[in-house]
Amino acid sequence: MTNLAGLPKSLYEKIYCARGQAENLIKAHKLHLDANQFRLLTHTAAAVSCRRMAAFCCWPRSSVG
């Protein structure tokens, strides 16, 4: 049921199908975003680990004393 004016077939094709397509695109975007966030998290963790290892192993330490 709808209160929109127009032929049923036209309303279905132009409004309801477009709405369903928009919802599908939002769902796909959320799934893609979650994958990108996980990839960003793993790359950040790797970068932090590399910097800490380099700081521990390679960079000169100042002598205190």
N, C-alpha and C. Protein backbone atom coordinates (compact mmCIF):
# COMPACT_ATOMS: atom_id res chain seq x y z
N MET A 1 0.84 -1.17 0.00
CA MET A 1 0.00 0.00 0.00
C MET A 1 0.88 1.24 0.00
N THR A 2 0.47 2.21 -0.73
CA THR A 2 1.18 3.47 -0.78
C THR A 2 0.20 4.60 -1.02
N ASN A 3 0.61 5.78 -0.63
CA ASN A 3 -0.22 6.94 -0.92
C ASN A 3 0.38 7.78 -2.05
N LEU A 4 1.38 7.23 -2.74
CA LEU A 4 1.99 7.92 -3.87
C LEU A 4 1.10 7.79 -5.10
N ALA A 5 1.03 8.86 -5.87
CA ALA A 5 0.23 8.85 -7.08
C ALA A 5 1.05 8.26 -8.23
N GLY A 6 0.41 7.49 -9.05
CA GLY A 6 1.07 6.93 -10.22
C GLY A 6 0.63 5.51 -10.47
N LEU A 7 1.08 4.98 -11.57
CA LEU A 7 0.76 3.59 -11.92
C LEU A 7 1.59 2.65 -11.06
N PRO A 8 1.02 1.55 -10.62
CA PRO A 8 1.74 0.62 -9.74
C PRO A 8 3.07 0.13 -10.32
N LYS A 9 3.08 -0.24 -11.59
CA LYS A 9 4.32 -0.74 -12.21
C LYS A 9 5.39 0.34 -12.22
N SER A 10 4.99 1.56 -12.56
CA SER A 10 5.93 2.68 -12.60
C SER A 10 6.49 2.97 -11.21
N LEU A 11 5.62 2.99 -10.20
CA LEU A 11 6.07 3.24 -8.83
C LEU A 11 7.05 2.15 -8.38
N TYR A 12 6.72 0.91 -8.68
CA TYR A 12 7.59 -0.20 -8.29
C TYR A 12 8.97 -0.07 -8.92
N GLU A 13 9.00 0.16 -10.23
CA GLU A 13 10.28 0.21 -10.94
C GLU A 13 11.11 1.42 -10.58
N LYS A 14 10.46 2.57 -10.40
CA LYS A 14 11.22 3.81 -10.18
C LYS A 14 11.54 4.07 -8.72
N ILE A 15 10.68 3.67 -7.81
CA ILE A 15 10.90 4.03 -6.41
C ILE A 15 11.35 2.83 -5.59
N TYR A 16 10.56 1.76 -5.60
CA TYR A 16 10.87 0.64 -4.71
C TYR A 16 12.12 -0.12 -5.14
N CYS A 17 12.32 -0.31 -6.42
CA CYS A 17 13.54 -0.99 -6.88
C CYS A 17 14.77 -0.14 -6.60
N ALA A 18 14.64 1.16 -6.78
CA ALA A 18 15.76 2.06 -6.50
C ALA A 18 16.10 2.04 -5.01
N ARG A 19 15.08 1.99 -4.17
CA ARG A 19 15.30 1.93 -2.73
C ARG A 19 16.02 0.63 -2.36
N GLY A 20 15.60 -0.47 -2.94
CA GLY A 20 16.27 -1.75 -2.67
C GLY A 20 17.71 -1.74 -3.14
N GLN A 21 17.96 -1.13 -4.29
CA GLN A 21 19.33 -1.03 -4.80
C GLN A 21 20.19 -0.19 -3.87
N ALA A 22 19.63 0.91 -3.36
CA ALA A 22 20.37 1.77 -2.43
C ALA A 22 20.72 0.99 -1.15
N GLU A 23 19.77 0.21 -0.65
CA GLU A 23 20.05 -0.59 0.54
C GLU A 23 21.12 -1.64 0.27
N ASN A 24 21.12 -2.23 -0.89
CA ASN A 24 22.16 -3.20 -1.25
C ASN A 24 23.52 -2.53 -1.34
N LEU A 25 23.58 -1.32 -1.88
CA LEU A 25 24.85 -0.61 -1.97
C LEU A 25 25.38 -0.23 -0.59
N ILE A 26 24.48 0.16 0.31
CA ILE A 26 24.89 0.49 1.68
C ILE A 26 25.45 -0.76 2.36
N LYS A 27 24.78 -1.89 2.19
CA LYS A 27 25.26 -3.14 2.78
C LYS A 27 26.63 -3.52 2.24
N ALA A 28 26.81 -3.41 0.94
CA ALA A 28 28.11 -3.73 0.32
C ALA A 28 29.20 -2.78 0.83
N HIS A 29 28.84 -1.51 0.99
CA HIS A 29 29.81 -0.53 1.49
C HIS A 29 30.23 -0.88 2.91
N LYS A 30 29.27 -1.27 3.75
CA LYS A 30 29.61 -1.63 5.13
C LYS A 30 30.53 -2.84 5.17
N LEU A 31 30.25 -3.84 4.35
CA LEU A 31 31.11 -5.02 4.32
C LEU A 31 32.51 -4.66 3.85
N HIS A 32 32.60 -3.82 2.83
CA HIS A 32 33.89 -3.39 2.30
C HIS A 32 34.63 -2.56 3.34
N LEU A 33 33.90 -1.71 4.04
CA LEU A 33 34.51 -0.85 5.04
C LEU A 33 35.10 -1.68 6.17
N ASP A 34 34.39 -2.72 6.61
CA ASP A 34 34.91 -3.57 7.67
C ASP A 34 36.21 -4.24 7.25
N ALA A 35 36.28 -4.71 6.01
CA ALA A 35 37.50 -5.34 5.52
C ALA A 35 38.64 -4.32 5.48
N ASN A 36 38.35 -3.10 5.03
CA ASN A 36 39.39 -2.08 4.97
C ASN A 36 39.85 -1.69 6.36
N GLN A 37 38.94 -1.63 7.33
CA GLN A 37 39.34 -1.28 8.69
C GLN A 37 40.25 -2.36 9.27
N PHE A 38 39.95 -3.62 9.00
CA PHE A 38 40.81 -4.70 9.50
C PHE A 38 42.19 -4.61 8.85
N ARG A 39 42.23 -4.35 7.53
CA ARG A 39 43.50 -4.22 6.84
C ARG A 39 44.29 -3.04 7.40
N LEU A 40 43.62 -1.93 7.67
CA LEU A 40 44.29 -0.77 8.26
C LEU A 40 44.86 -1.11 9.63
N LEU A 41 44.09 -1.84 10.43
CA LEU A 41 44.56 -2.24 11.75
C LEU A 41 45.81 -3.11 11.66
N THR A 42 45.82 -4.08 10.75
CA THR A 42 46.99 -4.96 10.65
C THR A 42 48.21 -4.21 10.11
N HIS A 43 48.00 -3.30 9.16
CA HIS A 43 49.14 -2.52 8.66
C HIS A 43 49.69 -1.59 9.73
N THR A 44 48.81 -1.01 10.53
CA THR A 44 49.26 -0.14 11.61
C THR A 44 50.05 -0.93 12.64
N ALA A 45 49.55 -2.10 12.99
CA ALA A 45 50.26 -2.94 13.96
C ALA A 45 51.64 -3.34 13.42
N ALA A 46 51.72 -3.66 12.15
CA ALA A 46 53.01 -4.02 11.55
C ALA A 46 53.96 -2.83 11.55
N ALA A 47 53.47 -1.66 11.24
CA ALA A 47 54.33 -0.47 11.21
C ALA A 47 54.85 -0.14 12.61
N VAL A 48 53.98 -0.24 13.60
CA VAL A 48 54.40 0.02 14.98
C VAL A 48 55.43 -1.01 15.42
N SER A 49 55.20 -2.26 15.08
CA SER A 49 56.17 -3.30 15.45
C SER A 49 57.53 -3.07 14.80
N CYS A 50 57.53 -2.68 13.53
CA CYS A 50 58.80 -2.41 12.85
C CYS A 50 59.53 -1.23 13.46
N ARG A 51 58.80 -0.18 13.79
CA ARG A 51 59.45 0.99 14.42
C ARG A 51 60.02 0.64 15.79
N ARG A 52 59.28 -0.13 16.56
CA ARG A 52 59.78 -0.51 17.89
C ARG A 52 61.00 -1.41 17.78
N MET A 53 60.97 -2.34 16.83
CA MET A 53 62.13 -3.22 16.66
C MET A 53 63.34 -2.41 16.19
N ALA A 54 63.13 -1.49 15.28
CA ALA A 54 64.24 -0.65 14.81
C ALA A 54 64.78 0.21 15.95
N ALA A 55 63.89 0.74 16.77
CA ALA A 55 64.32 1.55 17.90
C ALA A 55 65.11 0.71 18.90
N PHE A 56 64.71 -0.52 19.09
CA PHE A 56 65.38 -1.38 20.05
C PHE A 56 66.71 -1.89 19.53
N CYS A 57 66.77 -2.21 18.24
CA CYS A 57 67.95 -2.87 17.69
C CYS A 57 68.95 -1.92 17.03
N CYS A 58 68.46 -0.93 16.34
CA CYS A 58 69.32 -0.22 15.41
C CYS A 58 69.67 1.21 15.80
N TRP A 59 68.80 1.92 16.43
CA TRP A 59 69.07 3.32 16.70
C TRP A 59 70.02 3.46 17.87
N PRO A 60 70.95 4.38 17.79
CA PRO A 60 71.91 4.55 18.88
C PRO A 60 71.21 5.01 20.16
N ARG A 61 71.72 4.50 21.25
CA ARG A 61 71.17 4.88 22.54
C ARG A 61 72.11 5.89 23.19
N SER A 62 71.51 6.84 23.85
CA SER A 62 72.37 7.81 24.55
C SER A 62 72.84 7.19 25.86
N SER A 63 74.06 7.45 26.20
CA SER A 63 74.57 6.87 27.43
C SER A 63 74.25 7.81 28.60
N VAL A 64 73.70 7.26 29.62
CA VAL A 64 73.35 8.03 30.82
C VAL A 64 74.34 7.61 31.89
N GLY A 65 74.91 8.59 32.51
CA GLY A 65 75.75 8.15 33.59
C GLY A 65 76.97 8.86 33.76
